Amino acid sequence: MGSLLPDDAVVRTRPPGHPAVALTIAGSDPSGGAGIQADLKTFAALGGYGCAVLTGLTAQSTTGVTRVLPVPADMVTAQLETLFADVAVDAVKIGMTTDAAVARAVAAVLRDLRAAGRAPYVVLDPVMVSTSGHRLLAPDAEAVLRDELLPLADLITPNLPEAAVLLGVEQARDDHEAADQARALLKLGARFALVKGGHLDSAESVDHLAGPDGVVALTAPRISTRNTHGTGCTLSSACAVLRPRHDGWEPAVRAAKEYLTEALRAADDLVIGGTGTTPGPWRGHGPVDHGFATRTLG
């Protein structure tokens, strides 16, 4: 990856207490609940400075996605190389990669950064299976994500269907199987794996974080709300922006889960979906409230 800066460019340093600079590599959600919009809101809510590289455009609302337009892989590469030549990024969150060429382009740039000794923390949220169970990536794109992107990740954050796809096994049916799959993901190259338990039917939301020292169960209250759009994007981006401020992945993930729990708790105060021009009962899933801690009315 070559520098785009002039030969006489000055390298600047950041003062103590400067916010962590976090980059989201993901698709756009016009409704603001998921994708880069959710990631940037999360970065800001947790005191970070957000940058964004687009991998795709979607036409979507709280009721679903009607169209996806991938950004060409060479444009993704150009966005990344131009950004990294000028901005020191502390953490990267990777979301929707849209296709194999885009996933391969992201992996190539991250490998170059690692070879140059400039690798940021990398969180991979493998957006592969929708909440309704539909596969979102073609098989060749899934293979690139598993074989090229996953080994570059410090933390991978699949839900239960995505963990099963990555491992080529049946979806975990209980906490014991979820923990086993978290361990198995480490064998694919991830340094830490957070298998999210939101799809399990239990009184609490239990995620399993696997790392070199074993598996830790992270428990949070299960919030009763239909406004869950973007929870995976929010959690993974929170993990990314919080990692530079914490001594290890476990405390960063714990803090990220606490933020998501409160954003879910406040979600019903937002009325986003079902307020437009289409008549009939609302059938969507609204977003979590990313700005719950700082919002003032009036």
Protein backbone atom coordinates (compact mmCIF):
# COMPACT_ATOMS: atom_id res chain seq x y z
CA MET A 1 0.00 0.00 0.00
CA GLY A 2 1.69 3.20 -1.13
CA SER A 3 1.44 6.56 0.60
CA LEU A 4 -0.62 9.31 -1.05
CA LEU A 5 1.02 12.04 1.05
CA PRO A 6 3.69 14.42 -0.34
CA ASP A 7 7.31 13.82 0.58
CA ASP A 8 7.39 16.85 2.88
CA ALA A 9 4.24 15.90 4.82
CA VAL A 10 4.44 16.36 8.60
CA VAL A 11 3.58 13.43 10.87
CA ARG A 12 1.39 14.73 13.69
CA THR A 13 0.94 13.18 17.13
CA ARG A 14 -2.19 13.09 19.26
CA PRO A 15 -2.35 14.57 22.75
CA PRO A 16 -3.12 12.46 25.83
CA GLY A 17 -6.83 11.79 26.20
CA HIS A 18 -7.50 12.00 22.47
CA PRO A 19 -10.56 9.93 21.48
CA ALA A 20 -9.98 6.54 19.93
CA VAL A 21 -10.27 6.67 16.14
CA ALA A 22 -12.50 3.83 14.95
CA LEU A 23 -13.24 2.83 11.37
CA THR A 24 -16.34 1.00 10.22
CA ILE A 25 -16.11 -0.96 6.96
CA ALA A 26 -19.72 -1.79 6.22
CA GLY A 27 -22.84 -1.11 4.20
CA SER A 28 -25.24 1.81 4.48
CA ASP A 29 -28.66 1.53 6.15
CA PRO A 30 -30.88 4.50 5.20
CA SER A 31 -33.09 3.90 8.24
CA GLY A 32 -30.12 4.59 10.52
CA GLY A 33 -30.56 1.52 12.70
CA ALA A 34 -27.79 -0.71 11.39
CA GLY A 35 -24.72 -0.61 9.14
CA ILE A 36 -22.37 2.35 9.09
CA GLN A 37 -25.02 4.64 10.53
CA ALA A 38 -25.35 2.50 13.68
CA ASP A 39 -21.58 2.10 13.89
CA LEU A 40 -20.87 5.83 13.72
CA LYS A 41 -23.57 6.57 16.30
CA THR A 42 -22.05 3.96 18.61
CA PHE A 43 -18.53 5.31 18.18
CA ALA A 44 -19.72 8.82 19.05
CA ALA A 45 -21.86 7.70 21.99
CA LEU A 46 -18.85 5.95 23.51
CA GLY A 47 -16.47 8.85 23.07
CA GLY A 48 -14.72 7.80 19.88
CA TYR A 49 -14.10 9.51 16.56
CA GLY A 50 -15.69 7.58 13.71
CA CYS A 51 -14.49 7.04 10.14
CA ALA A 52 -16.36 5.00 7.53
CA VAL A 53 -15.61 3.05 4.35
CA LEU A 54 -18.68 1.99 2.39
CA THR A 55 -18.92 -1.53 0.98
CA GLY A 56 -22.47 -1.32 -0.29
CA LEU A 57 -25.68 0.66 -0.52
CA THR A 58 -28.95 -0.83 0.65
CA ALA A 59 -32.55 0.17 0.20
CA GLN A 60 -34.07 -0.72 3.56
CA SER A 61 -36.30 0.39 6.38
CA THR A 62 -37.32 -1.13 9.68
CA THR A 63 -39.37 -3.69 7.73
CA GLY A 64 -36.57 -5.18 5.60
CA VAL A 65 -34.14 -4.82 2.71
CA THR A 66 -35.44 -4.36 -0.83
CA ARG A 67 -32.17 -3.91 -2.74
CA VAL A 68 -28.40 -4.11 -2.27
CA LEU A 69 -25.85 -2.41 -4.54
CA PRO A 70 -22.24 -3.44 -3.86
CA VAL A 71 -19.50 -0.83 -4.05
CA PRO A 72 -16.87 -2.00 -6.58
CA ALA A 73 -13.91 -3.68 -4.89
CA ASP A 74 -11.38 -1.24 -6.37
CA MET A 75 -13.33 1.65 -4.88
CA VAL A 76 -13.28 -0.04 -1.48
CA THR A 77 -9.51 -0.42 -1.83
CA ALA A 78 -9.18 3.25 -2.82
CA GLN A 79 -11.22 4.38 0.20
CA LEU A 80 -9.09 2.30 2.57
CA GLU A 81 -5.70 3.21 1.12
CA THR A 82 -6.52 6.92 0.95
CA LEU A 83 -7.74 6.92 4.55
CA PHE A 84 -4.86 4.90 6.04
CA ALA A 85 -2.25 7.02 4.24
CA ASP A 86 -3.43 10.03 6.27
CA VAL A 87 -5.27 8.83 9.40
CA ALA A 88 -3.96 6.54 12.13
CA VAL A 89 -6.86 4.23 12.96
CA ASP A 90 -6.93 2.60 16.38
CA ALA A 91 -9.68 0.06 15.74
CA VAL A 92 -11.58 -1.36 12.78
CA LYS A 93 -15.03 -2.90 12.73
CA ILE A 94 -15.88 -4.95 9.61
CA GLY A 95 -19.54 -5.55 8.85
CA MET A 96 -21.25 -6.35 5.54
CA THR A 97 -18.70 -7.16 2.84
CA THR A 98 -21.34 -7.67 0.08
CA ASP A 99 -19.31 -10.03 -2.13
CA ALA A 100 -16.07 -12.03 -2.45
CA ALA A 101 -14.17 -9.29 -4.28
CA VAL A 102 -14.90 -6.72 -1.56
CA ALA A 103 -13.98 -9.15 1.22
CA ARG A 104 -10.73 -9.96 -0.56
CA ALA A 105 -9.94 -6.25 -1.02
CA VAL A 106 -10.43 -5.52 2.68
CA ALA A 107 -8.25 -8.48 3.64
CA ALA A 108 -5.46 -7.34 1.31
CA VAL A 109 -5.28 -3.86 2.84
CA LEU A 110 -5.34 -5.23 6.40
CA ARG A 111 -2.52 -7.62 5.54
CA ASP A 112 -0.47 -4.69 4.20
CA LEU A 113 -1.07 -2.76 7.43
CA ARG A 114 -0.01 -5.73 9.51
CA ALA A 115 3.14 -6.21 7.44
CA ALA A 116 3.98 -2.52 7.96
CA GLY A 117 3.50 -2.81 11.71
CA ARG A 118 0.46 -0.50 11.67
CA ALA A 119 -2.30 -3.01 12.37
CA PRO A 120 -5.24 -1.62 14.38
CA TYR A 121 -7.51 -3.76 16.52
CA VAL A 122 -9.87 -5.60 14.17
CA VAL A 123 -13.41 -6.71 15.02
CA LEU A 124 -15.18 -8.84 12.41
CA ASP A 125 -18.96 -9.02 12.56
CA PRO A 126 -19.65 -11.72 9.95
CA VAL A 127 -22.90 -10.50 8.42
CA MET A 128 -23.86 -13.78 6.76
CA VAL A 129 -27.35 -14.79 7.92
CA SER A 130 -30.38 -12.54 8.42
CA THR A 131 -32.58 -12.65 11.50
CA SER A 132 -35.13 -14.60 9.46
CA GLY A 133 -32.50 -17.18 8.53
CA HIS A 134 -31.73 -16.11 4.95
CA ARG A 135 -28.13 -16.37 3.72
CA LEU A 136 -26.81 -12.92 2.88
CA LEU A 137 -23.53 -13.87 1.18
CA ALA A 138 -22.80 -16.11 -1.78
CA PRO A 139 -20.76 -19.25 -0.98
CA ASP A 140 -17.58 -17.80 -2.53
CA ALA A 141 -17.89 -14.68 -0.38
CA GLU A 142 -18.44 -16.80 2.73
CA ALA A 143 -15.25 -18.71 1.90
CA VAL A 144 -13.20 -15.51 1.56
CA LEU A 145 -14.61 -14.15 4.81
CA ARG A 146 -13.76 -17.39 6.65
CA ASP A 147 -10.35 -18.07 5.06
CA GLU A 148 -8.93 -14.55 4.55
CA LEU A 149 -10.71 -12.04 6.78
CA LEU A 150 -11.31 -14.14 9.89
CA PRO A 151 -7.60 -14.90 10.50
CA LEU A 152 -6.93 -11.14 10.49
CA ALA A 153 -9.49 -10.47 13.22
CA ASP A 154 -8.64 -9.93 16.86
CA LEU A 155 -12.30 -10.53 17.73
CA ILE A 156 -15.10 -12.16 15.74
CA THR A 157 -18.72 -11.64 16.83
CA PRO A 158 -21.07 -14.12 15.10
CA ASN A 159 -24.59 -14.89 16.18
CA LEU A 160 -25.54 -18.54 16.47
CA PRO A 161 -26.59 -19.03 12.80
CA GLU A 162 -23.39 -17.33 11.59
CA ALA A 163 -21.16 -19.40 13.89
CA ALA A 164 -22.78 -22.54 12.51
CA VAL A 165 -22.17 -21.44 8.89
CA LEU A 166 -18.53 -20.60 9.60
CA LEU A 167 -17.95 -23.97 11.22
CA GLY A 168 -20.11 -26.04 8.85
CA VAL A 169 -22.15 -27.50 11.71
CA GLU A 170 -25.69 -27.37 13.06
CA GLN A 171 -26.72 -24.28 15.01
CA ALA A 172 -26.03 -24.46 18.74
CA ARG A 173 -29.10 -25.39 20.78
CA ASP A 174 -27.92 -24.43 24.25
CA ASP A 175 -25.18 -22.61 26.15
CA HIS A 176 -22.92 -25.65 26.24
CA GLU A 177 -22.94 -26.03 22.44
CA ALA A 178 -22.50 -22.26 21.99
CA ALA A 179 -19.40 -22.34 24.18
CA ASP A 180 -18.02 -25.28 22.20
CA GLN A 181 -18.53 -23.39 18.94
CA ALA A 182 -16.79 -20.33 20.35
CA ARG A 183 -13.74 -22.52 21.09
CA ALA A 184 -13.92 -24.06 17.62
CA LEU A 185 -13.86 -20.63 15.95
CA LEU A 186 -10.42 -19.99 17.44
CA LYS A 187 -9.11 -22.89 15.38
CA LEU A 188 -10.09 -20.95 12.23
CA GLY A 189 -7.64 -18.22 13.18
CA ALA A 190 -9.56 -15.67 15.27
CA ARG A 191 -7.76 -14.59 18.44
CA PHE A 192 -11.03 -14.16 20.35
CA ALA A 193 -14.53 -15.28 19.43
CA LEU A 194 -17.76 -13.91 20.90
CA VAL A 195 -20.67 -16.20 20.07
CA LYS A 196 -23.85 -14.26 20.79
CA GLY A 197 -26.70 -16.12 22.42
CA GLY A 198 -29.58 -13.90 21.42
CA HIS A 199 -31.23 -16.68 19.41
CA LEU A 200 -31.47 -18.97 22.45
CA ASP A 201 -34.75 -19.09 24.35
CA SER A 202 -33.53 -18.21 27.84
CA ALA A 203 -34.40 -15.70 30.54
CA GLU A 204 -31.04 -13.97 30.17
CA SER A 205 -28.90 -13.06 27.17
CA VAL A 206 -25.72 -15.11 27.48
CA ASP A 207 -22.78 -14.60 25.10
CA HIS A 208 -19.68 -16.79 25.16
CA LEU A 209 -16.25 -15.18 24.76
CA ALA A 210 -13.49 -17.65 23.85
CA GLY A 211 -9.81 -16.75 23.99
CA PRO A 212 -6.41 -18.23 24.78
CA ASP A 213 -7.38 -18.72 28.44
CA GLY A 214 -10.71 -20.44 27.84
CA VAL A 215 -14.36 -19.44 27.57
CA VAL A 216 -16.16 -16.85 29.69
CA ALA A 217 -19.96 -16.61 29.82
CA LEU A 218 -21.10 -12.97 29.70
CA THR A 219 -24.65 -12.55 31.00
CA ALA A 220 -26.99 -9.61 30.59
CA PRO A 221 -30.73 -9.12 31.13
CA ARG A 222 -32.85 -10.05 28.15
CA ILE A 223 -34.76 -6.88 27.28
CA SER A 224 -38.32 -7.41 26.08
CA THR A 225 -38.64 -5.22 22.97
CA ARG A 226 -39.29 -5.65 19.27
CA ASN A 227 -36.92 -2.74 18.57
CA THR A 228 -33.78 -4.78 17.99
CA HIS A 229 -32.71 -3.62 14.54
CA GLY A 230 -28.92 -3.23 14.41
CA THR A 231 -28.02 -4.97 17.67
CA GLY A 232 -25.19 -6.95 16.07
CA CYS A 233 -23.73 -3.87 14.39
CA THR A 234 -23.98 -1.91 17.62
CA LEU A 235 -22.31 -4.53 19.80
CA SER A 236 -19.40 -5.15 17.43
CA SER A 237 -18.73 -1.46 16.89
CA ALA A 238 -18.88 -0.88 20.66
CA CYS A 239 -16.30 -3.63 21.16
CA ALA A 240 -14.03 -1.99 18.58
CA VAL A 241 -14.16 1.58 19.90
CA LEU A 242 -13.85 0.48 23.54
CA ARG A 243 -10.88 -1.86 23.09
CA PRO A 244 -8.21 0.91 23.01
CA ARG A 245 -9.50 2.10 26.41
CA HIS A 246 -9.44 -1.30 28.10
CA ASP A 247 -6.70 -3.72 29.07
CA GLY A 248 -7.90 -6.73 27.11
CA TRP A 249 -10.90 -7.95 25.18
CA GLU A 250 -12.95 -9.26 28.09
CA PRO A 251 -13.39 -5.89 29.84
CA ALA A 252 -14.02 -4.18 26.49
CA VAL A 253 -16.71 -6.71 25.56
CA ARG A 254 -18.31 -6.46 29.00
CA ALA A 255 -18.52 -2.67 28.64
CA ALA A 256 -19.93 -3.04 25.12
CA LYS A 257 -22.65 -5.41 26.36
CA GLU A 258 -23.59 -2.95 29.10
CA TYR A 259 -23.97 -0.19 26.50
CA LEU A 260 -26.10 -2.39 24.23
CA THR A 261 -28.33 -3.47 27.11
CA GLU A 262 -29.12 0.14 27.98
CA ALA A 263 -29.63 1.04 24.30
CA LEU A 264 -32.15 -1.80 24.08
CA ARG A 265 -33.81 -0.74 27.32
CA ALA A 266 -34.35 2.75 25.86
CA ALA A 267 -35.36 1.51 22.40
CA ASP A 268 -39.12 1.72 22.93
CA ASP A 269 -38.82 5.47 23.51
CA LEU A 270 -37.93 5.87 19.83
CA VAL A 271 -40.77 5.78 17.29
CA ILE A 272 -39.05 5.38 13.92
CA GLY A 273 -40.76 2.71 11.82
CA GLY A 274 -44.40 2.83 10.76
CA THR A 275 -44.52 6.64 10.74
CA GLY A 276 -44.32 7.14 6.96
CA THR A 277 -46.84 7.18 4.12
CA THR A 278 -47.63 3.46 3.82
CA PRO A 279 -50.95 2.67 5.53
CA GLY A 280 -51.57 -0.38 7.65
CA PRO A 281 -50.21 -1.88 10.86
CA TRP A 282 -46.51 -1.53 11.55
CA ARG A 283 -44.65 -4.84 11.15
CA GLY A 284 -41.06 -3.72 11.45
CA HIS A 285 -38.27 -3.84 14.00
CA GLY A 286 -37.17 -0.41 15.15
CA PRO A 287 -33.60 0.52 16.09
CA VAL A 288 -31.99 0.53 19.50
CA ASP A 289 -31.46 3.98 21.00
CA HIS A 290 -27.75 4.63 20.43
CA GLY A 291 -27.92 8.11 21.95
CA PHE A 292 -29.86 7.25 25.10
CA ALA A 293 -27.20 8.64 27.45
CA THR A 294 -26.85 12.08 25.89
CA ARG A 295 -30.30 12.87 24.50
CA THR A 296 -32.15 15.88 25.90
CA LEU A 297 -35.54 17.06 24.71
CA GLY A 298 -36.83 20.61 24.43
